[in-house]
């Protein structure tokens, strides 16, 4: 997945959950936001 940022592009590898998330909303940035939110919750909850 190629995500355009202000100063550069980022390349990300999509896991199987990517398809499940993008079936609800097909935008790559939405899927990335879901991923980032889940990582923040995981870090807060489990300290990882």
PDB file of N, CA and C in Angstrom:
ATOM      1  N   UNK A   1       0.853  -1.151   0.000  1.00  0.00           N
ATOM      2  CA  UNK A   1       0.000   0.000   0.000  1.00  0.00           C
ATOM      3  C   UNK A   1       0.904   1.219   0.000  1.00  0.00           C
ATOM      4  N   UNK A   2       0.644   2.134  -0.876  1.00  0.00           N
ATOM      5  CA  UNK A   2       1.419   3.365  -0.933  1.00  0.00           C
ATOM      6  C   UNK A   2       0.564   4.484  -0.360  1.00  0.00           C
ATOM      7  N   UNK A   3       1.044   5.096   0.722  1.00  0.00           N
ATOM      8  CA  UNK A   3       0.343   6.215   1.341  1.00  0.00           C
ATOM      9  C   UNK A   3       1.137   7.487   1.097  1.00  0.00           C
ATOM     10  N   UNK A   4       0.493   8.471   0.506  1.00  0.00           N
ATOM     11  CA  UNK A   4       1.147   9.752   0.252  1.00  0.00           C
ATOM     12  C   UNK A   4       1.079  10.617   1.498  1.00  0.00           C
ATOM     13  N   UNK A   5       2.224  11.158   1.878  1.00  0.00           N
ATOM     14  CA  UNK A   5       2.300  12.084   3.004  1.00  0.00           C
ATOM     15  C   UNK A   5       2.737  13.434   2.459  1.00  0.00           C
ATOM     16  N   UNK A   6       2.799  14.409   3.327  1.00  0.00           N
ATOM     17  CA  UNK A   6       3.157  15.758   2.888  1.00  0.00           C
ATOM     18  C   UNK A   6       4.554  15.826   2.299  1.00  0.00           C
ATOM     19  N   UNK A   7       5.503  15.197   2.953  1.00  0.00           N
ATOM     20  CA  UNK A   7       6.891  15.318   2.525  1.00  0.00           C
ATOM     21  C   UNK A   7       7.450  14.082   1.817  1.00  0.00           C
ATOM     22  N   UNK A   8       6.725  12.952   1.904  1.00  0.00           N
ATOM     23  CA  UNK A   8       7.207  11.720   1.259  1.00  0.00           C
ATOM     24  C   UNK A   8       6.083  10.688   1.223  1.00  0.00           C
ATOM     25  N   UNK A   9       6.307   9.628   0.487  1.00  0.00           N
ATOM     26  CA  UNK A   9       5.363   8.512   0.447  1.00  0.00           C
ATOM     27  C   UNK A   9       5.848   7.412   1.386  1.00  0.00           C
ATOM     28  N   UNK A  10       4.903   6.642   1.928  1.00  0.00           N
ATOM     29  CA  UNK A  10       5.235   5.492   2.764  1.00  0.00           C
ATOM     30  C   UNK A  10       4.676   4.244   2.101  1.00  0.00           C
ATOM     31  N   UNK A  11       5.433   3.164   2.177  1.00  0.00           N
ATOM     32  CA  UNK A  11       4.988   1.880   1.659  1.00  0.00           C
ATOM     33  C   UNK A  11       4.681   0.970   2.842  1.00  0.00           C
ATOM     34  N   UNK A  12       3.516   0.307   2.797  1.00  0.00           N
ATOM     35  CA  UNK A  12       3.079  -0.591   3.860  1.00  0.00           C
ATOM     36  C   UNK A  12       2.645  -1.902   3.234  1.00  0.00           C
ATOM     37  N   UNK A  13       2.871  -2.970   3.955  1.00  0.00           N
ATOM     38  CA  UNK A  13       2.425  -4.297   3.549  1.00  0.00           C
ATOM     39  C   UNK A  13       1.065  -4.536   4.185  1.00  0.00           C
ATOM     40  N   UNK A  14       0.083  -5.013   3.412  1.00  0.00           N
ATOM     41  CA  UNK A  14      -1.260  -5.261   3.936  1.00  0.00           C
ATOM     42  C   UNK A  14      -1.440  -6.702   4.387  1.00  0.00           C
ATOM     43  N   UNK A  15      -1.862  -6.884   5.618  1.00  0.00           N
ATOM     44  CA  UNK A  15      -2.147  -8.206   6.178  1.00  0.00           C
ATOM     45  C   UNK A  15      -3.576  -8.618   5.808  1.00  0.00           C
ATOM     46  N   UNK A  16      -3.977  -9.852   6.095  1.00  0.00           N
ATOM     47  CA  UNK A  16      -5.335 -10.302   5.748  1.00  0.00           C
ATOM     48  C   UNK A  16      -6.448  -9.418   6.315  1.00  0.00           C
ATOM     49  N   UNK A  17      -6.233  -8.814   7.479  1.00  0.00           N
ATOM     50  CA  UNK A  17      -7.266  -7.947   8.035  1.00  0.00           C
ATOM     51  C   UNK A  17      -7.491  -6.697   7.196  1.00  0.00           C
ATOM     52  N   UNK A  18      -6.515  -6.337   6.377  1.00  0.00           N
ATOM     53  CA  UNK A  18      -6.666  -5.158   5.526  1.00  0.00           C
ATOM     54  C   UNK A  18      -7.894  -5.290   4.638  1.00  0.00           C
ATOM     55  N   UNK A  19      -8.087  -6.459   4.060  1.00  0.00           N
ATOM     56  CA  UNK A  19      -9.254  -6.670   3.191  1.00  0.00           C
ATOM     57  C   UNK A  19     -10.549  -6.547   3.986  1.00  0.00           C
ATOM     58  N   UNK A  20     -10.583  -7.099   5.182  1.00  0.00           N
ATOM     59  CA  UNK A  20     -11.791  -7.010   6.011  1.00  0.00           C
ATOM     60  C   UNK A  20     -12.105  -5.556   6.350  1.00  0.00           C
ATOM     61  N   UNK A  21     -11.087  -4.794   6.699  1.00  0.00           N
ATOM     62  CA  UNK A  21     -11.292  -3.387   7.051  1.00  0.00           C
ATOM     63  C   UNK A  21     -11.739  -2.588   5.834  1.00  0.00           C
ATOM     64  N   UNK A  22     -11.111  -2.822   4.687  1.00  0.00           N
ATOM     65  CA  UNK A  22     -11.442  -2.026   3.501  1.00  0.00           C
ATOM     66  C   UNK A  22     -12.744  -2.455   2.837  1.00  0.00           C
ATOM     67  N   UNK A  23     -13.327  -3.549   3.258  1.00  0.00           N
ATOM     68  CA  UNK A  23     -14.663  -3.890   2.752  1.00  0.00           C
ATOM     69  C   UNK A  23     -15.691  -2.925   3.323  1.00  0.00           C
ATOM     70  N   UNK A  24     -15.446  -2.437   4.539  1.00  0.00           N
ATOM     71  CA  UNK A  24     -16.337  -1.453   5.168  1.00  0.00           C
ATOM     72  C   UNK A  24     -16.120  -0.073   4.552  1.00  0.00           C
ATOM     73  N   UNK A  25     -14.870   0.325   4.404  1.00  0.00           N
ATOM     74  CA  UNK A  25     -14.510   1.618   3.823  1.00  0.00           C
ATOM     75  C   UNK A  25     -13.265   1.387   2.974  1.00  0.00           C
ATOM     76  N   UNK A  26     -13.354   1.528   1.652  1.00  0.00           N
ATOM     77  CA  UNK A  26     -12.248   1.144   0.770  1.00  0.00           C
ATOM     78  C   UNK A  26     -11.056   2.106   0.721  1.00  0.00           C
ATOM     79  N   UNK A  27     -11.050   3.128   1.521  1.00  0.00           N
ATOM     80  CA  UNK A  27      -9.938   4.084   1.491  1.00  0.00           C
ATOM     81  C   UNK A  27      -8.733   3.547   2.275  1.00  0.00           C
ATOM     82  N   UNK A  28      -7.554   3.625   1.670  1.00  0.00           N
ATOM     83  CA  UNK A  28      -6.329   3.162   2.330  1.00  0.00           C
ATOM     84  C   UNK A  28      -6.062   3.924   3.622  1.00  0.00           C
ATOM     85  N   UNK A  29      -6.325   5.229   3.610  1.00  0.00           N
ATOM     86  CA  UNK A  29      -6.073   6.031   4.807  1.00  0.00           C
ATOM     87  C   UNK A  29      -6.990   5.618   5.960  1.00  0.00           C
ATOM     88  N   UNK A  30      -8.199   5.180   5.653  1.00  0.00           N
ATOM     89  CA  UNK A  30      -9.104   4.694   6.699  1.00  0.00           C
ATOM     90  C   UNK A  30      -8.518   3.435   7.338  1.00  0.00           C
ATOM     91  N   UNK A  31      -8.072   2.508   6.509  1.00  0.00           N
ATOM     92  CA  UNK A  31      -7.486   1.269   7.027  1.00  0.00           C
ATOM     93  C   UNK A  31      -6.250   1.571   7.871  1.00  0.00           C
ATOM     94  N   UNK A  32      -5.458   2.535   7.445  1.00  0.00           N
ATOM     95  CA  UNK A  32      -4.269   2.902   8.206  1.00  0.00           C
ATOM     96  C   UNK A  32      -4.657   3.518   9.546  1.00  0.00           C
ATOM     97  N   UNK A  33      -5.695   4.338   9.564  1.00  0.00           N
ATOM     98  CA  UNK A  33      -6.162   4.939  10.819  1.00  0.00           C
ATOM     99  C   UNK A  33      -6.659   3.863  11.780  1.00  0.00           C
ATOM    100  N   UNK A  34      -7.362   2.859  11.259  1.00  0.00           N
ATOM    101  CA  UNK A  34      -7.827   1.748  12.098  1.00  0.00           C
ATOM    102  C   UNK A  34      -6.626   1.015  12.690  1.00  0.00           C
ATOM    103  N   UNK A  35      -5.624   0.775  11.877  1.00  0.00           N
ATOM    104  CA  UNK A  35      -4.403   0.108  12.357  1.00  0.00           C
ATOM    105  C   UNK A  35      -3.721   0.931  13.454  1.00  0.00           C
ATOM    106  N   UNK A  36      -3.552   2.225  13.203  1.00  0.00           N
ATOM    107  CA  UNK A  36      -2.879   3.075  14.184  1.00  0.00           C
ATOM    108  C   UNK A  36      -3.668   3.155  15.487  1.00  0.00           C
ATOM    109  N   UNK A  37      -4.991   3.231  15.389  1.00  0.00           N
ATOM    110  CA  UNK A  37      -5.827   3.249  16.587  1.00  0.00           C
ATOM    111  C   UNK A  37      -5.683   1.945  17.364  1.00  0.00           C
ATOM    112  N   UNK A  38      -5.691   0.820  16.657  1.00  0.00           N
ATOM    113  CA  UNK A  38      -5.561  -0.471  17.344  1.00  0.00           C
ATOM    114  C   UNK A  38      -4.204  -0.601  18.030  1.00  0.00           C
ATOM    115  N   UNK A  39      -3.153  -0.072  17.412  1.00  0.00           N
ATOM    116  CA  UNK A  39      -1.827  -0.117  18.029  1.00  0.00           C
ATOM    117  C   UNK A  39      -1.765   0.762  19.276  1.00  0.00           C
ATOM    118  N   UNK A  40      -2.422   1.920  19.233  1.00  0.00           N
ATOM    119  CA  UNK A  40      -2.454   2.808  20.402  1.00  0.00           C
ATOM    120  C   UNK A  40      -3.221   2.160  21.552  1.00  0.00           C
ATOM    121  N   UNK A  41      -4.334   1.504  21.243  1.00  0.00           N
ATOM    122  CA  UNK A  41      -5.111   0.804  22.270  1.00  0.00           C
ATOM    123  C   UNK A  41      -4.285  -0.332  22.865  1.00  0.00           C
ATOM    124  N   UNK A  42      -3.633  -1.098  22.011  1.00  0.00           N
ATOM    125  CA  UNK A  42      -2.791  -2.210  22.471  1.00  0.00           C
ATOM    126  C   UNK A  42      -1.681  -1.708  23.392  1.00  0.00           C
ATOM    127  N   UNK A  43      -1.036  -0.609  23.001  1.00  0.00           N
ATOM    128  CA  UNK A  43       0.053  -0.054  23.803  1.00  0.00           C
ATOM    129  C   UNK A  43      -0.466   0.433  25.154  1.00  0.00           C
ATOM    130  N   UNK A  44      -1.613   1.096  25.155  1.00  0.00           N
ATOM    131  CA  UNK A  44      -2.190   1.606  26.397  1.00  0.00           C
ATOM    132  C   UNK A  44      -2.626   0.468  27.307  1.00  0.00           C
ATOM    133  N   UNK A  45      -3.234  -0.530  26.716  1.00  0.00           N
ATOM    134  CA  UNK A  45      -3.782  -1.624  27.510  1.00  0.00           C
ATOM    135  C   UNK A  45      -2.720  -2.611  27.991  1.00  0.00           C
ATOM    136  N   UNK A  46      -1.798  -2.949  27.111  1.00  0.00           N
ATOM    137  CA  UNK A  46      -0.818  -3.992  27.427  1.00  0.00           C
ATOM    138  C   UNK A  46       0.609  -3.473  27.604  1.00  0.00           C
ATOM    139  N   UNK A  47       0.821  -2.194  27.372  1.00  0.00           N
ATOM    140  CA  UNK A  47       2.156  -1.622  27.526  1.00  0.00           C
ATOM    141  C   UNK A  47       3.149  -2.075  26.489  1.00  0.00           C
ATOM    142  N   UNK A  48       2.675  -2.456  25.306  1.00  0.00           N
ATOM    143  CA  UNK A  48       3.568  -2.931  24.231  1.00  0.00           C
ATOM    144  C   UNK A  48       3.640  -1.923  23.126  1.00  0.00           C
TER     145      UNK A  48
END
